[in-house]
Protein backbone atom coordinates (compact mmCIF):
# COMPACT_ATOMS: atom_id res chain seq x y z
CA UNK A 1 86.68 123.83 84.13
CA UNK A 2 88.63 121.96 81.65
CA UNK A 3 91.94 122.42 83.41
CA UNK A 4 90.74 120.55 86.31
CA UNK A 5 89.84 117.47 84.29
CA UNK A 6 93.22 117.62 82.67
CA UNK A 7 94.93 117.83 85.89
CA UNK A 8 93.14 114.93 87.11
CA UNK A 9 94.06 112.79 84.14
CA UNK A 10 97.81 113.77 84.64
CA UNK A 11 97.59 112.84 88.33
CA UNK A 12 96.07 109.38 87.38
CA UNK A 13 98.71 108.54 84.80
CA UNK A 14 101.43 109.81 87.04
CA UNK A 15 100.41 107.58 89.91
CA UNK A 16 100.11 104.61 87.49
CA UNK A 17 103.73 105.37 86.25
CA UNK A 18 104.87 105.80 89.79
CA UNK A 19 103.37 102.25 90.80
CA UNK A 20 104.90 100.73 87.79
CA UNK A 21 108.32 102.16 88.58
CA UNK A 22 108.13 101.02 92.29
CA UNK A 23 107.09 97.52 91.15
CA UNK A 24 109.98 97.41 88.54
CA UNK A 25 112.54 98.60 91.38
CA UNK A 26 111.15 95.93 93.72
CA UNK A 27 111.74 93.15 91.17
CA UNK A 28 115.28 94.52 90.49
CA UNK A 29 116.04 94.19 94.30
CA UNK A 30 114.76 90.69 94.53
CA UNK A 31 116.72 89.45 91.58
CA UNK A 32 120.09 90.44 93.02
């Protein structure tokens, strides 16, 4: 099942990006 591994990798990187974006947005809010 190579597709399953691939999906897991995509989900992991997506959640990392999501966390980074959230963190970035929080920082923008605090600066104003």
